[in-house]
């Protein structure tokens, strides 16, 4: 008898490191790192059940269970981050063509990564403009490429001037990706 993972089994498991409940392929959510909750179904191919499939209802039920299981943890993370003085970066800061939504289990980490790249090309250090306790603009506080000192000073002054023209409180800090979204933590 073999205990090898079955790549066609869709399972519901809880990540022992983060506490997040996830729906996924058995091979992607190995027991040990993940606590097994339920086998959703075994499919003929590695294709998620679609509308009309005999397993679609079971798949949708598992996604709903994962969202419910994760809701309280994500809300606690939001409250904890706010208590630390962090500011949530609104998903709406993405371009008008992008609509970033939580994944099927309510997790915003993938959307936060996309937003982080869109705003700063994954530069952790950033400036944020805060108006009425809401972030209205985020920009990388480091140039994309290395600049000589004079060019850097010109770049720096241009960035600060443009940010001050937006109006609001200008803050320096770091962007942090969490399951609840993208957060801005001030350097203070």
Protein backbone atom coordinates (compact mmCIF):
# COMPACT_ATOMS: atom_id res chain seq x y z
CA UNK A 1 0.00 0.00 0.00
CA UNK A 2 1.34 3.41 -0.97
CA UNK A 3 0.96 6.68 0.92
CA UNK A 4 2.04 8.77 -2.04
CA UNK A 5 -0.01 11.91 -2.64
CA UNK A 6 -2.77 11.60 -5.21
CA UNK A 7 -2.51 14.54 -7.65
CA UNK A 8 -6.21 14.27 -8.58
CA UNK A 9 -7.64 14.57 -5.08
CA UNK A 10 -9.13 17.90 -4.10
CA UNK A 11 -8.88 18.43 -0.34
CA UNK A 12 -9.75 20.91 2.41
CA UNK A 13 -6.82 21.46 4.79
CA UNK A 14 -5.57 23.96 7.38
CA UNK A 15 -2.06 25.38 7.10
CA UNK A 16 -0.30 24.61 10.38
CA UNK A 17 1.99 27.64 9.94
CA UNK A 18 -0.61 30.32 9.24
CA UNK A 19 -3.88 28.77 10.41
CA UNK A 20 -5.51 29.45 7.04
CA UNK A 21 -7.92 26.86 5.74
CA UNK A 22 -7.43 26.14 2.05
CA UNK A 23 -8.95 24.16 -0.78
CA UNK A 24 -6.42 22.62 -3.12
CA UNK A 25 -4.81 19.61 -4.67
CA UNK A 26 -3.57 16.96 -2.26
CA UNK A 27 -0.03 17.24 -3.65
CA UNK A 28 0.05 21.02 -3.06
CA UNK A 29 -1.17 20.75 0.54
CA UNK A 30 0.94 17.95 2.07
CA UNK A 31 -0.10 16.44 5.38
CA UNK A 32 2.32 17.57 8.07
CA UNK A 33 2.49 21.13 6.87
CA UNK A 34 -1.30 21.01 6.53
CA UNK A 35 -3.89 19.45 8.82
CA UNK A 36 -6.34 17.31 6.83
CA UNK A 37 -9.98 18.34 7.24
CA UNK A 38 -11.79 16.64 4.36
CA UNK A 39 -11.45 14.95 1.00
CA UNK A 40 -13.68 16.93 -1.35
CA UNK A 41 -13.49 14.67 -4.38
CA UNK A 42 -11.21 12.67 -6.66
CA UNK A 43 -11.23 13.86 -10.24
CA UNK A 44 -10.21 12.22 -13.49
CA UNK A 45 -7.89 15.17 -14.28
CA UNK A 46 -6.29 18.09 -12.43
CA UNK A 47 -9.03 20.48 -13.50
CA UNK A 48 -11.18 22.18 -10.89
CA UNK A 49 -14.87 21.25 -11.04
CA UNK A 50 -16.91 23.57 -13.22
CA UNK A 51 -20.61 24.40 -13.23
CA UNK A 52 -22.50 21.29 -14.24
CA UNK A 53 -19.88 18.89 -12.90
CA UNK A 54 -21.10 16.27 -10.43
CA UNK A 55 -18.46 17.58 -7.97
CA UNK A 56 -19.19 21.30 -8.38
CA UNK A 57 -21.54 21.51 -5.36
CA UNK A 58 -19.01 19.75 -3.10
CA UNK A 59 -16.25 22.08 -4.35
CA UNK A 60 -18.38 25.20 -3.72
CA UNK A 61 -19.30 23.93 -0.24
CA UNK A 62 -15.60 23.42 0.58
CA UNK A 63 -14.76 26.95 -0.62
CA UNK A 64 -17.55 28.32 1.57
CA UNK A 65 -16.23 26.34 4.56
CA UNK A 66 -12.73 27.72 3.97
CA UNK A 67 -14.02 31.32 3.71
CA UNK A 68 -15.97 30.90 6.95
CA UNK A 69 -12.99 29.31 8.71
CA UNK A 70 -10.68 32.13 7.58
CA UNK A 71 -13.03 35.06 8.22
CA UNK A 72 -12.37 35.46 11.94
CA UNK A 73 -8.60 35.05 11.51
CA UNK A 74 -8.50 37.69 8.77
CA UNK A 75 -10.60 40.09 10.85
CA UNK A 76 -8.27 39.55 13.82
CA UNK A 77 -5.29 40.24 11.58
CA UNK A 78 -6.89 43.49 10.41
CA UNK A 79 -7.54 44.59 14.00
CA UNK A 80 -4.03 43.60 15.08
CA UNK A 81 -2.40 45.51 12.21
CA UNK A 82 -4.53 48.59 12.88
CA UNK A 83 -3.60 48.44 16.59
CA UNK A 84 0.07 48.47 15.52
CA UNK A 85 -0.60 51.73 13.70
CA UNK A 86 -0.43 50.22 10.23
CA UNK A 87 -2.62 51.56 7.43
CA UNK A 88 -4.36 49.25 4.97
CA UNK A 89 -3.55 50.14 1.37
CA UNK A 90 -6.86 50.26 -0.52
CA UNK A 91 -7.13 47.78 -3.36
CA UNK A 92 -8.73 50.61 -5.35
CA UNK A 93 -5.27 52.16 -5.82
CA UNK A 94 -4.69 49.61 -8.59
CA UNK A 95 -5.24 50.87 -12.11
CA UNK A 96 -8.81 51.27 -13.28
CA UNK A 97 -8.49 48.22 -15.49
CA UNK A 98 -7.52 45.89 -12.69
CA UNK A 99 -10.04 44.55 -10.23
CA UNK A 100 -8.22 42.85 -7.40
CA UNK A 101 -10.43 40.60 -5.33
CA UNK A 102 -9.89 38.07 -2.60
CA UNK A 103 -9.27 34.55 -3.76
CA UNK A 104 -11.91 31.88 -3.41
CA UNK A 105 -11.11 31.35 0.28
CA UNK A 106 -11.24 35.03 1.23
CA UNK A 107 -7.47 35.56 1.27
CA UNK A 108 -6.12 38.86 -0.12
CA UNK A 109 -2.43 37.84 -0.26
CA UNK A 110 -2.34 37.32 -4.05
CA UNK A 111 -4.22 40.59 -4.64
CA UNK A 112 -1.83 42.33 -2.20
CA UNK A 113 1.17 41.02 -4.17
CA UNK A 114 -0.34 42.32 -7.41
CA UNK A 115 -1.10 45.70 -5.83
CA UNK A 116 2.41 45.89 -4.35
CA UNK A 117 3.93 45.29 -7.78
CA UNK A 118 1.55 47.75 -9.44
CA UNK A 119 2.36 50.54 -6.96
CA UNK A 120 6.10 50.08 -6.39
CA UNK A 121 7.37 47.21 -8.56
CA UNK A 122 7.89 45.24 -5.33
CA UNK A 123 10.00 47.86 -3.58
CA UNK A 124 9.37 47.43 0.12
CA UNK A 125 10.27 50.99 1.16
CA UNK A 126 7.62 53.50 0.16
CA UNK A 127 5.99 56.85 0.75
CA UNK A 128 2.29 57.07 1.38
CA UNK A 129 -0.05 60.04 1.34
CA UNK A 130 -2.67 59.81 4.04
CA UNK A 131 -5.86 61.86 3.96
CA UNK A 132 -8.55 61.47 6.66
CA UNK A 133 -6.73 58.35 7.95
CA UNK A 134 -6.99 56.70 4.52
CA UNK A 135 -4.08 56.08 2.17
CA UNK A 136 -4.76 57.88 -1.11
CA UNK A 137 -1.40 57.32 -2.84
CA UNK A 138 1.65 55.07 -2.51
CA UNK A 139 4.97 55.38 -4.31
CA UNK A 140 8.36 53.67 -3.99
CA UNK A 141 10.81 55.72 -1.96
CA UNK A 142 13.77 54.26 -3.83
CA UNK A 143 14.40 54.59 -7.58
CA UNK A 144 14.11 51.45 -9.71
CA UNK A 145 17.77 51.58 -10.67
CA UNK A 146 20.89 52.87 -8.99
CA UNK A 147 21.50 56.56 -9.64
CA UNK A 148 24.55 58.73 -9.12
CA UNK A 149 24.27 61.15 -6.19
CA UNK A 150 23.25 64.23 -8.19
CA UNK A 151 20.65 62.36 -10.25
CA UNK A 152 19.31 60.76 -7.05
CA UNK A 153 18.89 64.15 -5.37
CA UNK A 154 16.98 65.48 -8.39
CA UNK A 155 14.80 62.35 -8.45
CA UNK A 156 14.19 62.58 -4.69
CA UNK A 157 13.14 66.25 -4.83
CA UNK A 158 10.82 65.61 -7.78
CA UNK A 159 9.14 62.72 -5.98
CA UNK A 160 8.64 64.68 -2.77
CA UNK A 161 7.27 67.70 -4.63
CA UNK A 162 4.80 65.56 -6.57
CA UNK A 163 3.68 63.79 -3.40
CA UNK A 164 3.18 67.07 -1.53
CA UNK A 165 1.04 68.35 -4.40
CA UNK A 166 -1.38 65.45 -3.84
CA UNK A 167 -2.23 66.94 -0.45
CA UNK A 168 -2.40 65.13 2.85
CA UNK A 169 0.09 63.78 5.34
CA UNK A 170 3.22 62.34 3.75
CA UNK A 171 4.59 59.26 5.52
CA UNK A 172 7.66 57.09 4.95
CA UNK A 173 7.55 53.40 5.72
CA UNK A 174 7.38 49.86 4.45
CA UNK A 175 4.79 47.87 2.56
CA UNK A 176 3.84 44.52 4.09
CA UNK A 177 1.85 41.78 2.37
CA UNK A 178 -0.56 39.92 4.64
CA UNK A 179 -3.44 37.52 4.13
CA UNK A 180 -5.76 40.46 4.85
CA UNK A 181 -4.21 42.68 2.17
CA UNK A 182 -1.38 45.16 1.61
CA UNK A 183 -0.40 47.24 4.63
CA UNK A 184 1.76 50.33 5.13
CA UNK A 185 3.81 50.56 8.33
CA UNK A 186 5.41 53.92 9.10
CA UNK A 187 9.09 54.20 10.01
CA UNK A 188 8.20 56.01 13.22
